[in-house]
Amino acid sequence: MINGGSYGIIIFIIIIGIIVVARFARNYSGYKFRMSRLIRRPLIYLFLLLLSLFSSGNYEINAMTMLFIFPGIIAGSRSMDSIEFFMSGGTLYYKRPVIIMIFWLLSLIAREILVLMFPGNIYIIITVNAVLALTTGIIIGEAIATYKKYKIFNDGKLNKDME
């Protein structure tokens, strides 16, 4: 028998599944490069992190775990080699590493499940919040790396056009 709480978990899993499938499909064909997308995506993940962290209380501890964003930014900004730019029909597209998004989603799911299973265990909450913050930092760093790779791609394209 499924109770009301189980429906919430099932809906949560279905939504995560839809997001994962949509991201895989989109990344397979590539994203149209737009600066607004490059800025908006990390902001959405940052908002989701903040929403997740501060919905559980423990504001001082959650604020400290936010510091894990900074090592994540450094790690994510090194992902430039795995970002691929290409032209299709005169439009610039790019592909990014899917593993970062998968890791972030798994971190979020693990955090929500562990907080539900062990609501009072501060060590588990700190650990999963730190991993989620680190992964959010990686996403921010990846956006920075994508912008750097765009500049390199664009400069190279402009140099080829001038020759």
C-alpha atoms as a PDB file:
ATOM      1  CA  MET A   1       0.000   0.000   0.000  1.00  0.00           C
ATOM      2  CA  ILE A   2       1.350   3.428  -0.940  1.00  0.00           C
ATOM      3  CA  ASN A   3       0.742   6.248   1.521  1.00  0.00           C
ATOM      4  CA  GLY A   4       0.721  10.008   0.884  1.00  0.00           C
ATOM      5  CA  GLY A   5       4.454  10.447   1.591  1.00  0.00           C
ATOM      6  CA  SER A   6       5.317   7.715  -0.887  1.00  0.00           C
ATOM      7  CA  TYR A   7       3.458   9.553  -3.641  1.00  0.00           C
ATOM      8  CA  GLY A   8       5.641  12.591  -3.017  1.00  0.00           C
ATOM      9  CA  ILE A   9       8.790  10.503  -3.327  1.00  0.00           C
ATOM     10  CA  ILE A  10       7.505   8.810  -6.487  1.00  0.00           C
ATOM     11  CA  ILE A  11       6.670  12.191  -8.052  1.00  0.00           C
ATOM     12  CA  PHE A  12      10.120  13.500  -7.054  1.00  0.00           C
ATOM     13  CA  ILE A  13      11.811  10.493  -8.715  1.00  0.00           C
ATOM     14  CA  ILE A  14       9.701  10.893 -11.871  1.00  0.00           C
ATOM     15  CA  ILE A  15      10.584  14.588 -12.126  1.00  0.00           C
ATOM     16  CA  ILE A  16      14.288  13.819 -11.682  1.00  0.00           C
ATOM     17  CA  GLY A  17      13.999  11.089 -14.334  1.00  0.00           C
ATOM     18  CA  ILE A  18      12.388  13.491 -16.801  1.00  0.00           C
ATOM     19  CA  ILE A  19      15.124  16.059 -16.169  1.00  0.00           C
ATOM     20  CA  VAL A  20      17.863  13.469 -16.704  1.00  0.00           C
ATOM     21  CA  VAL A  21      16.355  12.172 -19.957  1.00  0.00           C
ATOM     22  CA  ALA A  22      15.809  15.715 -21.262  1.00  0.00           C
ATOM     23  CA  ARG A  23      19.381  16.710 -20.402  1.00  0.00           C
ATOM     24  CA  PHE A  24      20.843  13.629 -22.093  1.00  0.00           C
ATOM     25  CA  ALA A  25      18.789  14.237 -25.232  1.00  0.00           C
ATOM     26  CA  ARG A  26      19.691  17.921 -25.344  1.00  0.00           C
ATOM     27  CA  ASN A  27      23.378  17.324 -24.722  1.00  0.00           C
ATOM     28  CA  TYR A  28      23.483  14.642 -27.418  1.00  0.00           C
ATOM     29  CA  SER A  29      22.462  17.133 -30.096  1.00  0.00           C
ATOM     30  CA  GLY A  30      24.190  20.082 -28.432  1.00  0.00           C
ATOM     31  CA  TYR A  31      23.013  23.350 -26.944  1.00  0.00           C
ATOM     32  CA  LYS A  32      22.738  26.522 -28.946  1.00  0.00           C
ATOM     33  CA  PHE A  33      25.334  28.836 -27.500  1.00  0.00           C
ATOM     34  CA  ARG A  34      23.771  31.809 -25.800  1.00  0.00           C
ATOM     35  CA  MET A  35      25.389  33.868 -23.106  1.00  0.00           C
ATOM     36  CA  SER A  36      22.064  34.007 -21.245  1.00  0.00           C
ATOM     37  CA  ARG A  37      21.983  30.188 -21.026  1.00  0.00           C
ATOM     38  CA  LEU A  38      25.542  30.149 -19.783  1.00  0.00           C
ATOM     39  CA  ILE A  39      24.614  32.493 -16.931  1.00  0.00           C
ATOM     40  CA  ARG A  40      21.103  31.199 -16.232  1.00  0.00           C
ATOM     41  CA  ARG A  41      21.985  27.511 -15.754  1.00  0.00           C
ATOM     42  CA  PRO A  42      24.471  27.995 -12.885  1.00  0.00           C
ATOM     43  CA  LEU A  43      22.100  30.479 -11.257  1.00  0.00           C
ATOM     44  CA  ILE A  44      19.297  27.894 -11.337  1.00  0.00           C
ATOM     45  CA  TYR A  45      21.544  25.263  -9.752  1.00  0.00           C
ATOM     46  CA  LEU A  46      22.684  27.786  -7.136  1.00  0.00           C
ATOM     47  CA  PHE A  47      19.058  28.628  -6.352  1.00  0.00           C
ATOM     48  CA  LEU A  48      18.197  24.919  -6.027  1.00  0.00           C
ATOM     49  CA  LEU A  49      21.186  24.438  -3.713  1.00  0.00           C
ATOM     50  CA  LEU A  50      20.121  27.349  -1.523  1.00  0.00           C
ATOM     51  CA  LEU A  51      16.535  26.121  -1.473  1.00  0.00           C
ATOM     52  CA  SER A  52      17.666  22.636  -0.499  1.00  0.00           C
ATOM     53  CA  LEU A  53      20.135  23.790   2.148  1.00  0.00           C
ATOM     54  CA  PHE A  54      18.030  26.357   3.890  1.00  0.00           C
ATOM     55  CA  SER A  55      14.820  24.350   3.860  1.00  0.00           C
ATOM     56  CA  SER A  56      16.282  22.075   6.509  1.00  0.00           C
ATOM     57  CA  GLY A  57      17.155  24.714   9.110  1.00  0.00           C
ATOM     58  CA  ASN A  58      20.682  24.695  10.620  1.00  0.00           C
ATOM     59  CA  TYR A  59      21.452  28.018   8.948  1.00  0.00           C
ATOM     60  CA  GLU A  60      24.937  28.465  10.433  1.00  0.00           C
ATOM     61  CA  ILE A  61      26.089  25.004   9.380  1.00  0.00           C
ATOM     62  CA  ASN A  62      24.534  25.368   5.930  1.00  0.00           C
ATOM     63  CA  ALA A  63      26.254  28.713   5.461  1.00  0.00           C
ATOM     64  CA  MET A  64      29.589  27.036   6.260  1.00  0.00           C
ATOM     65  CA  THR A  65      28.962  24.219   3.787  1.00  0.00           C
ATOM     66  CA  MET A  66      28.400  26.859   1.104  1.00  0.00           C
ATOM     67  CA  LEU A  67      32.177  27.419   1.240  1.00  0.00           C
ATOM     68  CA  PHE A  68      32.562  24.124  -0.637  1.00  0.00           C
ATOM     69  CA  ILE A  69      31.370  25.960  -3.743  1.00  0.00           C
ATOM     70  CA  PHE A  70      34.809  27.542  -4.161  1.00  0.00           C
ATOM     71  CA  PRO A  71      36.867  24.346  -4.581  1.00  0.00           C
ATOM     72  CA  GLY A  72      34.117  23.166  -6.943  1.00  0.00           C
ATOM     73  CA  ILE A  73      34.503  26.294  -9.067  1.00  0.00           C
ATOM     74  CA  ILE A  74      38.235  25.616  -9.339  1.00  0.00           C
ATOM     75  CA  ALA A  75      37.622  21.973 -10.304  1.00  0.00           C
ATOM     76  CA  GLY A  76      34.872  22.844 -12.797  1.00  0.00           C
ATOM     77  CA  SER A  77      36.905  25.539 -14.500  1.00  0.00           C
ATOM     78  CA  ARG A  78      39.412  22.836 -15.438  1.00  0.00           C
ATOM     79  CA  SER A  79      36.803  20.993 -17.534  1.00  0.00           C
ATOM     80  CA  MET A  80      37.541  23.061 -20.627  1.00  0.00           C
ATOM     81  CA  ASP A  81      38.995  20.101 -22.549  1.00  0.00           C
ATOM     82  CA  SER A  82      35.699  18.189 -22.301  1.00  0.00           C
ATOM     83  CA  ILE A  83      33.612  21.050 -23.721  1.00  0.00           C
ATOM     84  CA  GLU A  84      33.086  20.887 -27.466  1.00  0.00           C
ATOM     85  CA  PHE A  85      31.994  23.733 -29.784  1.00  0.00           C
ATOM     86  CA  PHE A  86      30.758  23.218 -33.334  1.00  0.00           C
ATOM     87  CA  MET A  87      28.840  25.040 -36.043  1.00  0.00           C
ATOM     88  CA  SER A  88      25.649  23.640 -37.537  1.00  0.00           C
ATOM     89  CA  GLY A  89      23.632  25.539 -40.105  1.00  0.00           C
ATOM     90  CA  GLY A  90      25.474  28.730 -39.290  1.00  0.00           C
ATOM     91  CA  THR A  91      24.600  28.445 -35.581  1.00  0.00           C
ATOM     92  CA  LEU A  92      27.125  27.866 -32.825  1.00  0.00           C
ATOM     93  CA  TYR A  93      26.446  24.830 -30.598  1.00  0.00           C
ATOM     94  CA  TYR A  94      28.298  23.277 -27.710  1.00  0.00           C
ATOM     95  CA  LYS A  95      28.332  20.012 -25.806  1.00  0.00           C
ATOM     96  CA  ARG A  96      29.280  19.770 -22.176  1.00  0.00           C
ATOM     97  CA  PRO A  97      30.182  16.835 -19.943  1.00  0.00           C
ATOM     98  CA  VAL A  98      26.986  15.119 -18.783  1.00  0.00           C
ATOM     99  CA  ILE A  99      28.711  13.524 -15.804  1.00  0.00           C
ATOM    100  CA  ILE A 100      28.689  16.815 -13.895  1.00  0.00           C
ATOM    101  CA  MET A 101      24.911  17.147 -14.170  1.00  0.00           C
ATOM    102  CA  ILE A 102      24.408  13.494 -13.227  1.00  0.00           C
ATOM    103  CA  PHE A 103      26.660  13.887 -10.198  1.00  0.00           C
ATOM    104  CA  TRP A 104      24.733  16.985  -9.085  1.00  0.00           C
ATOM    105  CA  LEU A 105      21.368  15.222  -9.432  1.00  0.00           C
ATOM    106  CA  LEU A 106      22.632  12.177  -7.545  1.00  0.00           C
ATOM    107  CA  SER A 107      23.954  14.487  -4.815  1.00  0.00           C
ATOM    108  CA  LEU A 108      20.576  16.191  -4.540  1.00  0.00           C
ATOM    109  CA  ILE A 109      18.688  12.887  -4.433  1.00  0.00           C
ATOM    110  CA  ALA A 110      21.096  11.460  -1.836  1.00  0.00           C
ATOM    111  CA  ARG A 111      20.753  14.600   0.257  1.00  0.00           C
ATOM    112  CA  GLU A 112      16.955  14.533   0.237  1.00  0.00           C
ATOM    113  CA  ILE A 113      16.756  10.790   0.983  1.00  0.00           C
ATOM    114  CA  LEU A 114      19.332  10.922   3.786  1.00  0.00           C
ATOM    115  CA  VAL A 115      17.713  13.967   5.374  1.00  0.00           C
ATOM    116  CA  LEU A 116      14.384  12.123   5.359  1.00  0.00           C
ATOM    117  CA  MET A 117      15.919   8.912   6.714  1.00  0.00           C
ATOM    118  CA  PHE A 118      18.172  10.540   9.352  1.00  0.00           C
ATOM    119  CA  PRO A 119      16.632  13.941  10.110  1.00  0.00           C
ATOM    120  CA  GLY A 120      18.618  14.583  13.277  1.00  0.00           C
ATOM    121  CA  ASN A 121      22.023  13.307  12.162  1.00  0.00           C
ATOM    122  CA  ILE A 122      24.003  16.504  11.704  1.00  0.00           C
ATOM    123  CA  TYR A 123      27.076  14.686  10.299  1.00  0.00           C
ATOM    124  CA  ILE A 124      25.133  13.184   7.413  1.00  0.00           C
ATOM    125  CA  ILE A 125      23.467  16.523   6.692  1.00  0.00           C
ATOM    126  CA  ILE A 126      26.801  18.374   6.692  1.00  0.00           C
ATOM    127  CA  THR A 127      28.421  15.768   4.425  1.00  0.00           C
ATOM    128  CA  VAL A 128      25.697  15.645   1.782  1.00  0.00           C
ATOM    129  CA  ASN A 129      25.274  19.435   1.852  1.00  0.00           C
ATOM    130  CA  ALA A 130      29.013  19.856   1.319  1.00  0.00           C
ATOM    131  CA  VAL A 131      28.957  17.439  -1.639  1.00  0.00           C
ATOM    132  CA  LEU A 132      25.969  19.269  -3.146  1.00  0.00           C
ATOM    133  CA  ALA A 133      27.700  22.636  -2.687  1.00  0.00           C
ATOM    134  CA  LEU A 134      30.911  21.268  -4.222  1.00  0.00           C
ATOM    135  CA  THR A 135      29.003  19.970  -7.228  1.00  0.00           C
ATOM    136  CA  THR A 136      27.191  23.282  -7.647  1.00  0.00           C
ATOM    137  CA  GLY A 137      30.604  24.939  -7.661  1.00  0.00           C
ATOM    138  CA  ILE A 138      31.707  22.513 -10.375  1.00  0.00           C
ATOM    139  CA  ILE A 139      28.705  23.589 -12.478  1.00  0.00           C
ATOM    140  CA  ILE A 140      29.626  27.255 -11.989  1.00  0.00           C
ATOM    141  CA  GLY A 141      33.246  26.485 -12.882  1.00  0.00           C
ATOM    142  CA  GLU A 142      32.102  24.579 -15.958  1.00  0.00           C
ATOM    143  CA  ALA A 143      30.187  27.663 -17.122  1.00  0.00           C
ATOM    144  CA  ILE A 144      33.361  29.707 -16.690  1.00  0.00           C
ATOM    145  CA  ALA A 145      35.320  27.092 -18.669  1.00  0.00           C
ATOM    146  CA  THR A 146      32.647  27.110 -21.385  1.00  0.00           C
ATOM    147  CA  TYR A 147      32.966  30.879 -21.707  1.00  0.00           C
ATOM    148  CA  LYS A 148      36.769  30.599 -21.929  1.00  0.00           C
ATOM    149  CA  LYS A 149      36.475  27.881 -24.569  1.00  0.00           C
ATOM    150  CA  TYR A 150      33.959  30.051 -26.461  1.00  0.00           C
ATOM    151  CA  LYS A 151      36.430  32.927 -26.515  1.00  0.00           C
ATOM    152  CA  ILE A 152      39.155  30.606 -27.836  1.00  0.00           C
ATOM    153  CA  PHE A 153      36.778  29.126 -30.445  1.00  0.00           C
ATOM    154  CA  ASN A 154      35.503  32.549 -31.477  1.00  0.00           C
ATOM    155  CA  ASP A 155      39.001  34.040 -31.732  1.00  0.00           C
ATOM    156  CA  GLY A 156      40.149  31.084 -33.843  1.00  0.00           C
ATOM    157  CA  LYS A 157      37.092  31.376 -36.087  1.00  0.00           C
ATOM    158  CA  LEU A 158      37.670  35.085 -36.558  1.00  0.00           C
ATOM    159  CA  ASN A 159      41.326  34.490 -37.409  1.00  0.00           C
ATOM    160  CA  LYS A 160      40.340  31.851 -40.014  1.00  0.00           C
ATOM    161  CA  ASP A 161      37.794  34.235 -41.556  1.00  0.00           C
ATOM    162  CA  MET A 162      40.438  36.958 -41.899  1.00  0.00           C
ATOM    163  CA  GLU A 163      42.891  34.694 -43.744  1.00  0.00           C
END
